[in-house]
Amino acid sequence: MASIEDLMWTNLLEVFGERDPDRRAAAIARTYASDVVFADPEESLTGHEALRAKAQSLLDQAPGFVFAADGAVHVVDDLGHLSWTFGPDGGEPVVRGTDIALVRDGVIARLYTFLR
């Protein structure tokens, strides 16, 4: 079973940061509950397929952009917290955000993204 810290890194780098759809799908299957709820300022969605489509859409809109951690993962009980940046590879970030995940039974059950 993955630790909350590992789940937060996988969420950032292997799901939202992964451009290969097959590798992303495998990461989604092992990282999130089948009925995961994801919410950001734009929308709230449920399930693996909706999460896959969300990540694909973000990456399609920003070719050459990469996600990077903006600090360490913090864990309190069943919550994980990780701040991140998104921008051109090697350039200044265009977006900064924070993910907060509720973990149940070793997978992310709810994921909230705040933009800052």
PDB file of N, CA and C in Angstrom:
ATOM      1  N   MET A   1       0.847  -1.178   0.000  1.00  0.00           N
ATOM      2  CA  MET A   1       0.000   0.000   0.000  1.00  0.00           C
ATOM      3  C   MET A   1       0.893   1.243   0.000  1.00  0.00           C
ATOM      4  N   ALA A   2       0.581   2.185  -0.857  1.00  0.00           N
ATOM      5  CA  ALA A   2       1.367   3.409  -0.979  1.00  0.00           C
ATOM      6  C   ALA A   2       1.094   4.335   0.202  1.00  0.00           C
ATOM      7  N   SER A   3       2.114   5.069   0.594  1.00  0.00           N
ATOM      8  CA  SER A   3       1.945   6.071   1.636  1.00  0.00           C
ATOM      9  C   SER A   3       1.221   7.293   1.056  1.00  0.00           C
ATOM     10  N   ILE A   4       0.695   8.122   1.927  1.00  0.00           N
ATOM     11  CA  ILE A   4       0.042   9.348   1.471  1.00  0.00           C
ATOM     12  C   ILE A   4       1.046  10.208   0.706  1.00  0.00           C
ATOM     13  N   GLU A   5       2.273  10.270   1.190  1.00  0.00           N
ATOM     14  CA  GLU A   5       3.303  11.032   0.474  1.00  0.00           C
ATOM     15  C   GLU A   5       3.487  10.498  -0.944  1.00  0.00           C
ATOM     16  N   ASP A   6       3.588   9.180  -1.086  1.00  0.00           N
ATOM     17  CA  ASP A   6       3.732   8.591  -2.418  1.00  0.00           C
ATOM     18  C   ASP A   6       2.532   8.897  -3.307  1.00  0.00           C
ATOM     19  N   LEU A   7       1.331   8.827  -2.740  1.00  0.00           N
ATOM     20  CA  LEU A   7       0.127   9.128  -3.515  1.00  0.00           C
ATOM     21  C   LEU A   7       0.132  10.567  -4.013  1.00  0.00           C
ATOM     22  N   MET A   8       0.593  11.488  -3.194  1.00  0.00           N
ATOM     23  CA  MET A   8       0.638  12.900  -3.604  1.00  0.00           C
ATOM     24  C   MET A   8       1.627  13.107  -4.753  1.00  0.00           C
ATOM     25  N   TRP A   9       2.777  12.447  -4.670  1.00  0.00           N
ATOM     26  CA  TRP A   9       3.760  12.553  -5.757  1.00  0.00           C
ATOM     27  C   TRP A   9       3.214  11.929  -7.037  1.00  0.00           C
ATOM     28  N   THR A  10       2.571  10.775  -6.918  1.00  0.00           N
ATOM     29  CA  THR A  10       1.999  10.126  -8.100  1.00  0.00           C
ATOM     30  C   THR A  10       0.931  10.995  -8.725  1.00  0.00           C
ATOM     31  N   ASN A  11       0.064  11.579  -7.910  1.00  0.00           N
ATOM     32  CA  ASN A  11      -0.973  12.474  -8.405  1.00  0.00           C
ATOM     33  C   ASN A  11      -0.366  13.602  -9.241  1.00  0.00           C
ATOM     34  N   LEU A  12       0.662  14.224  -8.726  1.00  0.00           N
ATOM     35  CA  LEU A  12       1.260  15.365  -9.416  1.00  0.00           C
ATOM     36  C   LEU A  12       2.026  14.950 -10.669  1.00  0.00           C
ATOM     37  N   LEU A  13       2.922  13.989 -10.532  1.00  0.00           N
ATOM     38  CA  LEU A  13       3.866  13.683 -11.607  1.00  0.00           C
ATOM     39  C   LEU A  13       3.404  12.594 -12.575  1.00  0.00           C
ATOM     40  N   GLU A  14       2.745  11.560 -12.066  1.00  0.00           N
ATOM     41  CA  GLU A  14       2.387  10.434 -12.914  1.00  0.00           C
ATOM     42  C   GLU A  14       0.965  10.511 -13.450  1.00  0.00           C
ATOM     43  N   VAL A  15       0.166  11.416 -12.911  1.00  0.00           N
ATOM     44  CA  VAL A  15      -1.186  11.606 -13.438  1.00  0.00           C
ATOM     45  C   VAL A  15      -1.256  12.946 -14.158  1.00  0.00           C
ATOM     46  N   PHE A  16      -1.218  14.040 -13.429  1.00  0.00           N
ATOM     47  CA  PHE A  16      -1.366  15.343 -14.072  1.00  0.00           C
ATOM     48  C   PHE A  16      -0.134  15.752 -14.878  1.00  0.00           C
ATOM     49  N   GLY A  17       1.026  15.210 -14.541  1.00  0.00           N
ATOM     50  CA  GLY A  17       2.235  15.542 -15.279  1.00  0.00           C
ATOM     51  C   GLY A  17       2.607  14.550 -16.362  1.00  0.00           C
ATOM     52  N   GLU A  18       1.848  13.486 -16.521  1.00  0.00           N
ATOM     53  CA  GLU A  18       2.185  12.421 -17.481  1.00  0.00           C
ATOM     54  C   GLU A  18       1.469  12.632 -18.808  1.00  0.00           C
ATOM     55  N   ARG A  19       2.225  12.756 -19.873  1.00  0.00           N
ATOM     56  CA  ARG A  19       1.633  12.982 -21.185  1.00  0.00           C
ATOM     57  C   ARG A  19       1.250  11.691 -21.908  1.00  0.00           C
ATOM     58  N   ASP A  20       1.803  10.568 -21.502  1.00  0.00           N
ATOM     59  CA  ASP A  20       1.451   9.293 -22.136  1.00  0.00           C
ATOM     60  C   ASP A  20       0.134   8.772 -21.539  1.00  0.00           C
ATOM     61  N   PRO A  21      -0.922   8.636 -22.344  1.00  0.00           N
ATOM     62  CA  PRO A  21      -2.231   8.250 -21.807  1.00  0.00           C
ATOM     63  C   PRO A  21      -2.248   6.873 -21.143  1.00  0.00           C
ATOM     64  N   ASP A  22      -1.487   5.923 -21.643  1.00  0.00           N
ATOM     65  CA  ASP A  22      -1.480   4.580 -21.053  1.00  0.00           C
ATOM     66  C   ASP A  22      -0.806   4.580 -19.688  1.00  0.00           C
ATOM     67  N   ARG A  23       0.319   5.273 -19.571  1.00  0.00           N
ATOM     68  CA  ARG A  23       0.989   5.357 -18.269  1.00  0.00           C
ATOM     69  C   ARG A  23       0.116   6.131 -17.276  1.00  0.00           C
ATOM     70  N   ARG A  24      -0.557   7.186 -17.744  1.00  0.00           N
ATOM     71  CA  ARG A  24      -1.447   7.947 -16.873  1.00  0.00           C
ATOM     72  C   ARG A  24      -2.600   7.073 -16.395  1.00  0.00           C
ATOM     73  N   ALA A  25      -3.198   6.293 -17.278  1.00  0.00           N
ATOM     74  CA  ALA A  25      -4.322   5.427 -16.896  1.00  0.00           C
ATOM     75  C   ALA A  25      -3.897   4.412 -15.837  1.00  0.00           C
ATOM     76  N   ALA A  26      -2.702   3.855 -15.984  1.00  0.00           N
ATOM     77  CA  ALA A  26      -2.203   2.895 -14.988  1.00  0.00           C
ATOM     78  C   ALA A  26      -2.009   3.573 -13.634  1.00  0.00           C
ATOM     79  N   ALA A  27      -1.486   4.799 -13.645  1.00  0.00           N
ATOM     80  CA  ALA A  27      -1.292   5.538 -12.395  1.00  0.00           C
ATOM     81  C   ALA A  27      -2.630   5.878 -11.747  1.00  0.00           C
ATOM     82  N   ILE A  28      -3.609   6.251 -12.551  1.00  0.00           N
ATOM     83  CA  ILE A  28      -4.937   6.561 -12.019  1.00  0.00           C
ATOM     84  C   ILE A  28      -5.538   5.324 -11.354  1.00  0.00           C
ATOM     85  N   ALA A  29      -5.421   4.183 -11.988  1.00  0.00           N
ATOM     86  CA  ALA A  29      -6.009   2.946 -11.456  1.00  0.00           C
ATOM     87  C   ALA A  29      -5.443   2.577 -10.095  1.00  0.00           C
ATOM     88  N   ARG A  30      -4.158   2.840  -9.878  1.00  0.00           N
ATOM     89  CA  ARG A  30      -3.547   2.438  -8.600  1.00  0.00           C
ATOM     90  C   ARG A  30      -3.554   3.547  -7.538  1.00  0.00           C
ATOM     91  N   THR A  31      -3.937   4.762  -7.909  1.00  0.00           N
ATOM     92  CA  THR A  31      -3.803   5.909  -7.014  1.00  0.00           C
ATOM     93  C   THR A  31      -5.120   6.407  -6.429  1.00  0.00           C
ATOM     94  N   TYR A  32      -6.228   6.215  -7.152  1.00  0.00           N
ATOM     95  CA  TYR A  32      -7.508   6.799  -6.744  1.00  0.00           C
ATOM     96  C   TYR A  32      -8.582   5.741  -6.553  1.00  0.00           C
ATOM     97  N   ALA A  33      -9.508   6.031  -5.654  1.00  0.00           N
ATOM     98  CA  ALA A  33     -10.720   5.215  -5.531  1.00  0.00           C
ATOM     99  C   ALA A  33     -11.496   5.303  -6.843  1.00  0.00           C
ATOM    100  N   SER A  34     -12.227   4.263  -7.177  1.00  0.00           N
ATOM    101  CA  SER A  34     -12.975   4.265  -8.442  1.00  0.00           C
ATOM    102  C   SER A  34     -13.988   5.402  -8.508  1.00  0.00           C
ATOM    103  N   ASP A  35     -14.478   5.824  -7.352  1.00  0.00           N
ATOM    104  CA  ASP A  35     -15.444   6.928  -7.304  1.00  0.00           C
ATOM    105  C   ASP A  35     -14.805   8.217  -6.766  1.00  0.00           C
ATOM    106  N   VAL A  36     -13.524   8.396  -7.046  1.00  0.00           N
ATOM    107  CA  VAL A  36     -12.814   9.588  -6.589  1.00  0.00           C
ATOM    108  C   VAL A  36     -13.583  10.849  -6.998  1.00  0.00           C
ATOM    109  N   VAL A  37     -13.578  11.822  -6.102  1.00  0.00           N
ATOM    110  CA  VAL A  37     -14.172  13.128  -6.404  1.00  0.00           C
ATOM    111  C   VAL A  37     -13.027  14.124  -6.506  1.00  0.00           C
ATOM    112  N   PHE A  38     -12.988  14.848  -7.615  1.00  0.00           N
ATOM    113  CA  PHE A  38     -11.984  15.881  -7.852  1.00  0.00           C
ATOM    114  C   PHE A  38     -12.714  17.210  -7.977  1.00  0.00           C
ATOM    115  N   ALA A  39     -12.185  18.231  -7.299  1.00  0.00           N
ATOM    116  CA  ALA A  39     -12.786  19.563  -7.405  1.00  0.00           C
ATOM    117  C   ALA A  39     -11.693  20.608  -7.517  1.00  0.00           C
ATOM    118  N   ASP A  40     -11.890  21.528  -8.444  1.00  0.00           N
ATOM    119  CA  ASP A  40     -11.031  22.698  -8.577  1.00  0.00           C
ATOM    120  C   ASP A  40     -11.942  23.901  -8.806  1.00  0.00           C
ATOM    121  N   PRO A  41     -11.398  25.106  -8.987  1.00  0.00           N
ATOM    122  CA  PRO A  41     -12.273  26.271  -9.150  1.00  0.00           C
ATOM    123  C   PRO A  41     -13.202  26.206 -10.364  1.00  0.00           C
ATOM    124  N   GLU A  42     -12.882  25.348 -11.351  1.00  0.00           N
ATOM    125  CA  GLU A  42     -13.691  25.264 -12.565  1.00  0.00           C
ATOM    126  C   GLU A  42     -14.846  24.287 -12.466  1.00  0.00           C
ATOM    127  N   GLU A  43     -14.629  23.151 -11.759  1.00  0.00           N
ATOM    128  CA  GLU A  43     -15.633  22.105 -11.780  1.00  0.00           C
ATOM    129  C   GLU A  43     -15.385  21.063 -10.698  1.00  0.00           C
ATOM    130  N   SER A  44     -16.365  20.206 -10.536  1.00  0.00           N
ATOM    131  CA  SER A  44     -16.250  19.037  -9.679  1.00  0.00           C
ATOM    132  C   SER A  44     -16.630  17.836 -10.534  1.00  0.00           C
ATOM    133  N   LEU A  45     -15.868  16.769 -10.437  1.00  0.00           N
ATOM    134  CA  LEU A  45     -16.137  15.596 -11.258  1.00  0.00           C
ATOM    135  C   LEU A  45     -15.875  14.340 -10.446  1.00  0.00           C
ATOM    136  N   THR A  46     -16.363  13.206 -10.965  1.00  0.00           N
ATOM    137  CA  THR A  46     -16.280  11.949 -10.232  1.00  0.00           C
ATOM    138  C   THR A  46     -15.804  10.826 -11.138  1.00  0.00           C
ATOM    139  N   GLY A  47     -14.885  10.013 -10.628  1.00  0.00           N
ATOM    140  CA  GLY A  47     -14.472   8.787 -11.303  1.00  0.00           C
ATOM    141  C   GLY A  47     -13.180   8.886 -12.079  1.00  0.00           C
ATOM    142  N   HIS A  48     -12.643   7.698 -12.373  1.00  0.00           N
ATOM    143  CA  HIS A  48     -11.369   7.600 -13.084  1.00  0.00           C
ATOM    144  C   HIS A  48     -11.411   8.236 -14.464  1.00  0.00           C
ATOM    145  N   GLU A  49     -12.455   7.945 -15.231  1.00  0.00           N
ATOM    146  CA  GLU A  49     -12.521   8.453 -16.599  1.00  0.00           C
ATOM    147  C   GLU A  49     -12.589   9.983 -16.618  1.00  0.00           C
ATOM    148  N   ALA A  50     -13.357  10.563 -15.728  1.00  0.00           N
ATOM    149  CA  ALA A  50     -13.454  12.021 -15.670  1.00  0.00           C
ATOM    150  C   ALA A  50     -12.115  12.635 -15.267  1.00  0.00           C
ATOM    151  N   LEU A  51     -11.415  11.993 -14.338  1.00  0.00           N
ATOM    152  CA  LEU A  51     -10.103  12.484 -13.913  1.00  0.00           C
ATOM    153  C   LEU A  51      -9.093  12.371 -15.051  1.00  0.00           C
ATOM    154  N   ARG A  52      -9.143  11.253 -15.787  1.00  0.00           N
ATOM    155  CA  ARG A  52      -8.253  11.073 -16.940  1.00  0.00           C
ATOM    156  C   ARG A  52      -8.492  12.177 -17.967  1.00  0.00           C
ATOM    157  N   ALA A  53      -9.744  12.463 -18.254  1.00  0.00           N
ATOM    158  CA  ALA A  53     -10.080  13.497 -19.230  1.00  0.00           C
ATOM    159  C   ALA A  53      -9.632  14.878 -18.754  1.00  0.00           C
ATOM    160  N   LYS A  54      -9.766  15.154 -17.468  1.00  0.00           N
ATOM    161  CA  LYS A  54      -9.340  16.442 -16.909  1.00  0.00           C
ATOM    162  C   LYS A  54      -7.843  16.631 -17.092  1.00  0.00           C
ATOM    163  N   ALA A  55      -7.055  15.612 -16.718  1.00  0.00           N
ATOM    164  CA  ALA A  55      -5.602  15.713 -16.857  1.00  0.00           C
ATOM    165  C   ALA A  55      -5.209  15.876 -18.325  1.00  0.00           C
ATOM    166  N   GLN A  56      -5.842  15.103 -19.210  1.00  0.00           N
ATOM    167  CA  GLN A  56      -5.530  15.196 -20.635  1.00  0.00           C
ATOM    168  C   GLN A  56      -5.830  16.588 -21.171  1.00  0.00           C
ATOM    169  N   SER A  57      -6.958  17.144 -20.778  1.00  0.00           N
ATOM    170  CA  SER A  57      -7.347  18.478 -21.232  1.00  0.00           C
ATOM    171  C   SER A  57      -6.339  19.538 -20.789  1.00  0.00           C
ATOM    172  N   LEU A  58      -5.925  19.471 -19.527  1.00  0.00           N
ATOM    173  CA  LEU A  58      -4.940  20.441 -19.027  1.00  0.00           C
ATOM    174  C   LEU A  58      -3.638  20.362 -19.815  1.00  0.00           C
ATOM    175  N   LEU A  59      -3.167  19.148 -20.057  1.00  0.00           N
ATOM    176  CA  LEU A  59      -1.903  18.976 -20.777  1.00  0.00           C
ATOM    177  C   LEU A  59      -2.039  19.374 -22.245  1.00  0.00           C
ATOM    178  N   ASP A  60      -3.186  19.079 -22.853  1.00  0.00           N
ATOM    179  CA  ASP A  60      -3.401  19.457 -24.256  1.00  0.00           C
ATOM    180  C   ASP A  60      -3.408  20.967 -24.440  1.00  0.00           C
ATOM    181  N   GLN A  61      -3.894  21.693 -23.436  1.00  0.00           N
ATOM    182  CA  GLN A  61      -3.973  23.149 -23.530  1.00  0.00           C
ATOM    183  C   GLN A  61      -2.626  23.831 -23.310  1.00  0.00           C
ATOM    184  N   ALA A  62      -1.633  23.073 -22.834  1.00  0.00           N
ATOM    185  CA  ALA A  62      -0.344  23.685 -22.488  1.00  0.00           C
ATOM    186  C   ALA A  62       0.820  22.812 -22.937  1.00  0.00           C
ATOM    187  N   PRO A  63       1.005  22.655 -24.241  1.00  0.00           N
ATOM    188  CA  PRO A  63       2.136  21.849 -24.707  1.00  0.00           C
ATOM    189  C   PRO A  63       3.453  22.464 -24.236  1.00  0.00           C
ATOM    190  N   GLY A  64       4.364  21.610 -23.794  1.00  0.00           N
ATOM    191  CA  GLY A  64       5.656  22.084 -23.316  1.00  0.00           C
ATOM    192  C   GLY A  64       5.670  22.525 -21.868  1.00  0.00           C
ATOM    193  N   PHE A  65       4.508  22.561 -21.225  1.00  0.00           N
ATOM    194  CA  PHE A  65       4.436  22.924 -19.815  1.00  0.00           C
ATOM    195  C   PHE A  65       4.642  21.668 -18.960  1.00  0.00           C
ATOM    196  N   VAL A  66       5.192  21.883 -17.778  1.00  0.00           N
ATOM    197  CA  VAL A  66       5.413  20.779 -16.843  1.00  0.00           C
ATOM    198  C   VAL A  66       4.946  21.183 -15.446  1.00  0.00           C
ATOM    199  N   PHE A  67       4.530  20.178 -14.681  1.00  0.00           N
ATOM    200  CA  PHE A  67       4.227  20.363 -13.268  1.00  0.00           C
ATOM    201  C   PHE A  67       5.491  20.109 -12.467  1.00  0.00           C
ATOM    202  N   ALA A  68       5.684  20.872 -11.411  1.00  0.00           N
ATOM    203  CA  ALA A  68       6.803  20.668 -10.490  1.00  0.00           C
ATOM    204  C   ALA A  68       6.321  20.952  -9.074  1.00  0.00           C
ATOM    205  N   ALA A  69       6.895  20.246  -8.135  1.00  0.00           N
ATOM    206  CA  ALA A  69       6.554  20.477  -6.731  1.00  0.00           C
ATOM    207  C   ALA A  69       7.053  21.850  -6.311  1.00  0.00           C
ATOM    208  N   ASP A  70       6.311  22.485  -5.430  1.00  0.00           N
ATOM    209  CA  ASP A  70       6.674  23.781  -4.870  1.00  0.00           C
ATOM    210  C   ASP A  70       6.754  23.633  -3.351  1.00  0.00           C
ATOM    211  N   GLY A  71       7.573  22.679  -2.928  1.00  0.00           N
ATOM    212  CA  GLY A  71       7.711  22.369  -1.515  1.00  0.00           C
ATOM    213  C   GLY A  71       7.534  20.886  -1.276  1.00  0.00           C
ATOM    214  N   ALA A  72       7.506  20.529  -0.028  1.00  0.00           N
ATOM    215  CA  ALA A  72       7.400  19.129   0.377  1.00  0.00           C
ATOM    216  C   ALA A  72       5.941  18.721   0.532  1.00  0.00           C
ATOM    217  N   VAL A  73       5.728  17.420   0.556  1.00  0.00           N
ATOM    218  CA  VAL A  73       4.411  16.881   0.890  1.00  0.00           C
ATOM    219  C   VAL A  73       4.240  16.978   2.400  1.00  0.00           C
ATOM    220  N   HIS A  74       3.067  17.413   2.819  1.00  0.00           N
ATOM    221  CA  HIS A  74       2.736  17.461   4.247  1.00  0.00           C
ATOM    222  C   HIS A  74       1.563  16.517   4.489  1.00  0.00           C
ATOM    223  N   VAL A  75       1.633  15.777   5.585  1.00  0.00           N
ATOM    224  CA  VAL A  75       0.595  14.796   5.901  1.00  0.00           C
ATOM    225  C   VAL A  75       0.098  15.031   7.315  1.00  0.00           C
ATOM    226  N   VAL A  76      -1.223  15.039   7.468  1.00  0.00           N
ATOM    227  CA  VAL A  76      -1.870  15.077   8.772  1.00  0.00           C
ATOM    228  C   VAL A  76      -2.985  14.039   8.729  1.00  0.00           C
ATOM    229  N   ASP A  77      -2.843  13.007   9.542  1.00  0.00           N
ATOM    230  CA  ASP A  77      -3.826  11.937   9.626  1.00  0.00           C
ATOM    231  C   ASP A  77      -4.083  11.362   8.234  1.00  0.00           C
ATOM    232  N   ASP A  78      -5.280  11.543   7.663  1.00  0.00           N
ATOM    233  CA  ASP A  78      -5.603  10.962   6.360  1.00  0.00           C
ATOM    234  C   ASP A  78      -5.599  11.997   5.231  1.00  0.00           C
ATOM    235  N   LEU A  79      -4.947  13.143   5.470  1.00  0.00           N
ATOM    236  CA  LEU A  79      -4.862  14.209   4.469  1.00  0.00           C
ATOM    237  C   LEU A  79      -3.441  14.409   3.986  1.00  0.00           C
ATOM    238  N   GLY A  80      -3.313  14.630   2.672  1.00  0.00           N
ATOM    239  CA  GLY A  80      -2.030  15.002   2.085  1.00  0.00           C
ATOM    240  C   GLY A  80      -2.150  16.376   1.466  1.00  0.00           C
ATOM    241  N   HIS A  81      -1.041  17.129   1.489  1.00  0.00           N
ATOM    242  CA  HIS A  81      -1.008  18.505   0.984  1.00  0.00           C
ATOM    243  C   HIS A  81       0.284  18.668   0.184  1.00  0.00           C
ATOM    244  N   LEU A  82       0.165  19.164  -1.047  1.00  0.00           N
ATOM    245  CA  LEU A  82       1.354  19.412  -1.875  1.00  0.00           C
ATOM    246  C   LEU A  82       1.099  20.635  -2.745  1.00  0.00           C
ATOM    247  N   SER A  83       1.981  21.614  -2.655  1.00  0.00           N
ATOM    248  CA  SER A  83       1.909  22.781  -3.526  1.00  0.00           C
ATOM    249  C   SER A  83       2.736  22.506  -4.776  1.00  0.00           C
ATOM    250  N   TRP A  84       2.344  23.138  -5.883  1.00  0.00           N
ATOM    251  CA  TRP A  84       2.981  22.861  -7.166  1.00  0.00           C
ATOM    252  C   TRP A  84       2.987  24.106  -8.052  1.00  0.00           C
ATOM    253  N   THR A  85       3.763  23.998  -9.125  1.00  0.00           N
ATOM    254  CA  THR A  85       3.794  25.028 -10.166  1.00  0.00           C
ATOM    255  C   THR A  85       3.556  24.356 -11.505  1.00  0.00           C
ATOM    256  N   PHE A  86       3.137  25.160 -12.484  1.00  0.00           N
ATOM    257  CA  PHE A  86       2.896  24.674 -13.842  1.00  0.00           C
ATOM    258  C   PHE A  86       3.331  25.761 -14.788  1.00  0.00           C
ATOM    259  N   GLY A  87       4.222  25.408 -15.700  1.00  0.00           N
ATOM    260  CA  GLY A  87       4.719  26.394 -16.651  1.00  0.00           C
ATOM    261  C   GLY A  87       5.659  25.762 -17.652  1.00  0.00           C
ATOM    262  N   PRO A  88       6.242  26.586 -18.525  1.00  0.00           N
ATOM    263  CA  PRO A  88       7.140  26.063 -19.546  1.00  0.00           C
ATOM    264  C   PRO A  88       8.340  25.357 -18.916  1.00  0.00           C
ATOM    265  N   ASP A  89       8.725  24.245 -19.522  1.00  0.00           N
ATOM    266  CA  ASP A  89       9.873  23.491 -19.033  1.00  0.00           C
ATOM    267  C   ASP A  89      11.096  24.408 -19.009  1.00  0.00           C
ATOM    268  N   GLY A  90      11.665  24.610 -17.837  1.00  0.00           N
ATOM    269  CA  GLY A  90      12.831  25.471 -17.682  1.00  0.00           C
ATOM    270  C   GLY A  90      12.501  26.946 -17.544  1.00  0.00           C
ATOM    271  N   GLY A  91      11.225  27.296 -17.605  1.00  0.00           N
ATOM    272  CA  GLY A  91      10.828  28.700 -17.511  1.00  0.00           C
ATOM    273  C   GLY A  91      10.104  29.006 -16.214  1.00  0.00           C
ATOM    274  N   GLU A  92       9.639  30.230 -16.104  1.00  0.00           N
ATOM    275  CA  GLU A  92       8.901  30.663 -14.923  1.00  0.00           C
ATOM    276  C   GLU A  92       7.501  30.047 -14.916  1.00  0.00           C
ATOM    277  N   PRO A  93       7.006  29.651 -13.751  1.00  0.00           N
ATOM    278  CA  PRO A  93       5.650  29.093 -13.665  1.00  0.00           C
ATOM    279  C   PRO A  93       4.593  30.119 -14.089  1.00  0.00           C
ATOM    280  N   VAL A  94       3.561  29.617 -14.712  1.00  0.00           N
ATOM    281  CA  VAL A  94       2.429  30.435 -15.114  1.00  0.00           C
ATOM    282  C   VAL A  94       1.304  30.308 -14.089  1.00  0.00           C
ATOM    283  N   VAL A  95       1.223  29.144 -13.457  1.00  0.00           N
ATOM    284  CA  VAL A  95       0.190  28.856 -12.470  1.00  0.00           C
ATOM    285  C   VAL A  95       0.845  28.225 -11.245  1.00  0.00           C
ATOM    286  N   ARG A  96       0.326  28.575 -10.086  1.00  0.00           N
ATOM    287  CA  ARG A  96       0.727  27.928  -8.825  1.00  0.00           C
ATOM    288  C   ARG A  96      -0.538  27.406  -8.172  1.00  0.00           C
ATOM    289  N   GLY A  97      -0.416  26.258  -7.538  1.00  0.00           N
ATOM    290  CA  GLY A  97      -1.580  25.682  -6.894  1.00  0.00           C
ATOM    291  C   GLY A  97      -1.201  24.784  -5.736  1.00  0.00           C
ATOM    292  N   THR A  98      -2.218  24.265  -5.094  1.00  0.00           N
ATOM    293  CA  THR A  98      -2.052  23.353  -3.974  1.00  0.00           C
ATOM    294  C   THR A  98      -3.095  22.258  -4.101  1.00  0.00           C
ATOM    295  N   ASP A  99      -2.652  21.024  -3.940  1.00  0.00           N
ATOM    296  CA  ASP A  99      -3.558  19.879  -3.908  1.00  0.00           C
ATOM    297  C   ASP A  99      -3.700  19.397  -2.475  1.00  0.00           C
ATOM    298  N   ILE A 100      -4.921  19.112  -2.090  1.00  0.00           N
ATOM    299  CA  ILE A 100      -5.207  18.498  -0.792  1.00  0.00           C
ATOM    300  C   ILE A 100      -6.017  17.241  -1.079  1.00  0.00           C
ATOM    301  N   ALA A 101      -5.524  16.119  -0.582  1.00  0.00           N
ATOM    302  CA  ALA A 101      -6.163  14.831  -0.853  1.00  0.00           C
ATOM    303  C   ALA A 101      -6.602  14.167   0.442  1.00  0.00           C
ATOM    304  N   LEU A 102      -7.793  13.596   0.406  1.00  0.00           N
ATOM    305  CA  LEU A 102      -8.299  12.752   1.483  1.00  0.00           C
ATOM    306  C   LEU A 102      -8.056  11.312   1.051  1.00  0.00           C
ATOM    307  N   VAL A 103      -7.346  10.564   1.876  1.00  0.00           N
ATOM    308  CA  VAL A 103      -6.989   9.186   1.541  1.00  0.00           C
ATOM    309  C   VAL A 103      -7.802   8.230   2.404  1.00  0.00           C
ATOM    310  N   ARG A 104      -8.383   7.236   1.735  1.00  0.00           N
ATOM    311  CA  ARG A 104      -9.128   6.169   2.417  1.00  0.00           C
ATOM    312  C   ARG A 104      -8.713   4.841   1.810  1.00  0.00           C
ATOM    313  N   ASP A 105      -8.464   3.862   2.651  1.00  0.00           N
ATOM    314  CA  ASP A 105      -8.114   2.511   2.201  1.00  0.00           C
ATOM    315  C   ASP A 105      -6.940   2.507   1.227  1.00  0.00           C
ATOM    316  N   GLY A 106      -5.973   3.389   1.449  1.00  0.00           N
ATOM    317  CA  GLY A 106      -4.748   3.399   0.675  1.00  0.00           C
ATOM    318  C   GLY A 106      -4.812   4.062  -0.684  1.00  0.00           C
ATOM    319  N   VAL A 107      -5.921   4.742  -1.002  1.00  0.00           N
ATOM    320  CA  VAL A 107      -6.048   5.468  -2.268  1.00  0.00           C
ATOM    321  C   VAL A 107      -6.683   6.837  -2.018  1.00  0.00           C
ATOM    322  N   ILE A 108      -6.514   7.726  -2.965  1.00  0.00           N
ATOM    323  CA  ILE A 108      -7.107   9.056  -2.851  1.00  0.00           C
ATOM    324  C   ILE A 108      -8.604   8.952  -3.138  1.00  0.00           C
ATOM    325  N   ALA A 109      -9.409   9.360  -2.162  1.00  0.00           N
ATOM    326  CA  ALA A 109     -10.864   9.324  -2.302  1.00  0.00           C
ATOM    327  C   ALA A 109     -11.419  10.672  -2.758  1.00  0.00           C
ATOM    328  N   ARG A 110     -10.777  11.756  -2.329  1.00  0.00           N
ATOM    329  CA  ARG A 110     -11.202  13.107  -2.702  1.00  0.00           C
ATOM    330  C   ARG A 110      -9.941  13.939  -2.925  1.00  0.00           C
ATOM    331  N   LEU A 111      -9.968  14.746  -3.980  1.00  0.00           N
ATOM    332  CA  LEU A 111      -8.830  15.598  -4.315  1.00  0.00           C
ATOM    333  C   LEU A 111      -9.339  16.996  -4.589  1.00  0.00           C
ATOM    334  N   TYR A 112      -8.784  17.956  -3.880  1.00  0.00           N
ATOM    335  CA  TYR A 112      -9.163  19.365  -4.046  1.00  0.00           C
ATOM    336  C   TYR A 112      -7.946  20.143  -4.526  1.00  0.00           C
ATOM    337  N   THR A 113      -8.129  20.930  -5.576  1.00  0.00           N
ATOM    338  CA  THR A 113      -7.059  21.754  -6.116  1.00  0.00           C
ATOM    339  C   THR A 113      -7.419  23.219  -5.937  1.00  0.00           C
ATOM    340  N   PHE A 114      -6.522  23.953  -5.280  1.00  0.00           N
ATOM    341  CA  PHE A 114      -6.668  25.397  -5.093  1.00  0.00           C
ATOM    342  C   PHE A 114      -5.623  26.086  -5.946  1.00  0.00           C
ATOM    343  N   LEU A 115      -6.016  27.107  -6.672  1.00  0.00           N
ATOM    344  CA  LEU A 115      -5.069  27.898  -7.445  1.00  0.00           C
ATOM    345  C   LEU A 115      -4.695  29.124  -6.621  1.00  0.00           C
ATOM    346  N   ARG A 116      -3.444  29.542  -6.738  1.00  0.00           N
ATOM    347  CA  ARG A 116      -3.005  30.708  -5.985  1.00  0.00           C
ATOM    348  C   ARG A 116      -2.182  31.630  -6.844  1.00  0.00           C
TER     349      ARG A 116
END
